[in-house]
Amino acid sequence: MTQKERNIWQKEYRKKNHNKCTYKYEKTKKGFLVRKYRNMLSRITGVQKQKYHLYKNLTILDKEIFYKWSLENKDFIKLYKNWEQNNYNRKLCPSINRIDSNNGYQLDNMEWITHSENSRLGALSQKRKMKI
């Protein structure tokens, strides 16, 4: 089976099963991190067009370094367990915060916080920009 044929088969399989396998995989640590990295990369590369202007020309660390750093990070482990124990409540979902939003996804510029906290910080940042 060629890669193109496999992609078509996967797309049909997911549609038929309402993405149950994907959702289940993304609830594992490895699956969660794969999705998180893919989302980070899509911001940097412009796949997510709406906010590309915020990420254009920023850097991103290698995915294997990101996975290793995350799996060894005490904050990620604690946040992931809490998210899991609270039935995957979106507000408690582990989220990457870029400490300085002018810089990319690099180890010295990233921290794990909850989705709720990251949203709050983003809203504060927007308010500050509006005042200027």
Protein backbone atom coordinates (compact mmCIF):
# COMPACT_ATOMS: atom_id res chain seq x y z
CA MET A 1 0.00 0.00 0.00
CA THR A 2 1.44 3.39 -0.95
CA GLN A 3 1.50 6.29 1.52
CA LYS A 4 -1.23 8.04 -0.47
CA GLU A 5 -3.45 4.95 -0.33
CA ARG A 6 -2.77 4.59 3.40
CA ASN A 7 -3.74 8.24 4.01
CA ILE A 8 -7.02 7.74 2.14
CA TRP A 9 -7.73 4.53 4.08
CA GLN A 10 -6.96 6.27 7.41
CA LYS A 11 -9.20 9.22 6.56
CA GLU A 12 -12.12 6.88 5.74
CA TYR A 13 -11.50 4.75 8.83
CA ARG A 14 -11.47 7.81 11.08
CA LYS A 15 -14.65 9.16 9.48
CA LYS A 16 -16.43 5.83 9.93
CA ASN A 17 -15.39 5.57 13.61
CA HIS A 18 -15.83 9.28 14.42
CA ASN A 19 -12.10 9.58 15.25
CA LYS A 20 -12.46 7.41 18.39
CA CYS A 21 -8.97 5.93 17.99
CA THR A 22 -7.40 9.36 17.49
CA TYR A 23 -9.16 10.83 20.52
CA LYS A 24 -8.12 7.84 22.64
CA TYR A 25 -4.48 8.11 21.49
CA GLU A 26 -4.41 11.85 22.20
CA LYS A 27 -5.34 11.10 25.82
CA THR A 28 -2.05 9.23 26.25
CA LYS A 29 1.05 11.25 27.17
CA LYS A 30 2.80 10.42 23.89
CA GLY A 31 -0.29 11.15 21.79
CA PHE A 32 -0.94 14.37 23.68
CA LEU A 33 2.63 15.57 23.08
CA VAL A 34 2.52 14.60 19.39
CA ARG A 35 -0.62 16.73 18.96
CA LYS A 36 0.81 19.59 21.03
CA TYR A 37 3.99 19.69 18.93
CA ARG A 38 2.04 19.49 15.67
CA ASN A 39 -0.08 22.46 16.78
CA MET A 40 3.03 24.45 17.74
CA LEU A 41 4.63 23.67 14.39
CA SER A 42 1.50 24.63 12.45
CA ARG A 43 1.54 28.07 14.11
CA ILE A 44 5.19 28.63 13.18
CA THR A 45 4.81 27.39 9.59
CA GLY A 46 1.58 29.24 8.85
CA VAL A 47 -0.75 26.25 8.58
CA GLN A 48 -2.88 28.03 11.19
CA LYS A 49 -3.31 31.14 9.08
CA GLN A 50 -5.38 33.29 11.46
CA LYS A 51 -2.57 33.88 13.93
CA TYR A 52 0.42 33.34 11.66
CA HIS A 53 1.41 37.01 11.99
CA LEU A 54 2.10 36.34 15.69
CA TYR A 55 4.46 33.42 14.98
CA LYS A 56 6.05 34.30 11.63
CA ASN A 57 9.86 33.87 11.66
CA LEU A 58 9.90 32.42 15.20
CA THR A 59 11.91 29.31 16.02
CA ILE A 60 10.81 25.90 17.23
CA LEU A 61 12.90 23.23 18.93
CA ASP A 62 13.29 19.73 17.49
CA LYS A 63 10.33 17.48 18.29
CA GLU A 64 12.43 14.77 19.96
CA ILE A 65 13.92 17.38 22.30
CA PHE A 66 10.40 18.66 23.03
CA TYR A 67 9.14 15.14 23.85
CA LYS A 68 12.12 14.36 26.11
CA TRP A 69 11.91 17.73 27.89
CA SER A 70 8.16 17.35 28.44
CA LEU A 71 8.27 13.77 29.71
CA GLU A 72 10.95 14.76 32.23
CA ASN A 73 9.29 18.03 33.25
CA LYS A 74 7.78 17.94 36.77
CA ASP A 75 5.20 20.58 35.90
CA PHE A 76 4.00 18.68 32.83
CA ILE A 77 3.74 15.41 34.77
CA LYS A 78 1.77 17.06 37.58
CA LEU A 79 -0.53 18.97 35.20
CA TYR A 80 -1.13 15.90 33.03
CA LYS A 81 -2.07 13.76 36.05
CA ASN A 82 -4.42 16.44 37.34
CA TRP A 83 -6.04 16.81 33.90
CA GLU A 84 -6.45 13.03 33.67
CA GLN A 85 -7.92 12.77 37.21
CA ASN A 86 -10.42 15.53 36.40
CA ASN A 87 -11.83 13.72 33.38
CA TYR A 88 -9.83 15.77 30.86
CA ASN A 89 -11.37 19.10 31.85
CA ARG A 90 -10.26 21.53 29.14
CA LYS A 91 -9.44 24.31 31.62
CA LEU A 92 -6.94 21.99 33.34
CA CYS A 93 -5.32 20.74 30.13
CA PRO A 94 -1.52 21.19 30.10
CA SER A 95 -0.54 24.05 27.82
CA ILE A 96 2.76 25.48 26.60
CA ASN A 97 3.29 29.10 27.50
CA ARG A 98 5.96 31.07 25.69
CA ILE A 99 7.33 33.24 28.48
CA ASP A 100 8.30 35.98 26.03
CA SER A 101 5.80 36.02 23.16
CA ASN A 102 8.37 37.73 20.92
CA ASN A 103 10.48 34.56 21.02
CA GLY A 104 9.75 31.10 19.66
CA TYR A 105 9.37 27.66 21.15
CA GLN A 106 12.78 27.19 22.77
CA LEU A 107 13.50 25.44 26.08
CA ASP A 108 14.47 28.65 27.86
CA ASN A 109 11.24 30.33 26.71
CA MET A 110 8.69 27.63 27.50
CA GLU A 111 6.81 26.53 30.57
CA TRP A 112 3.90 24.17 31.21
CA ILE A 113 0.79 25.79 32.68
CA THR A 114 -2.95 25.03 32.48
CA HIS A 115 -4.98 25.98 29.42
CA SER A 116 -7.03 28.28 31.63
CA GLU A 117 -3.96 30.14 32.89
CA ASN A 118 -2.51 30.42 29.39
CA SER A 119 -5.78 31.89 28.11
CA ARG A 120 -5.81 34.38 30.98
CA LEU A 121 -2.23 35.45 30.21
CA GLY A 122 -3.11 35.84 26.53
CA ALA A 123 -6.08 38.04 27.37
CA LEU A 124 -3.91 40.22 29.65
CA SER A 125 -1.34 40.56 26.87
CA GLN A 126 -4.06 41.69 24.43
CA LYS A 127 -5.32 44.31 26.91
CA ARG A 128 -1.81 45.70 27.33
CA LYS A 129 -1.36 45.98 23.56
CA MET A 130 -4.70 47.81 23.23
CA LYS A 131 -3.63 50.43 25.80
CA ILE A 132 -0.44 51.26 23.90
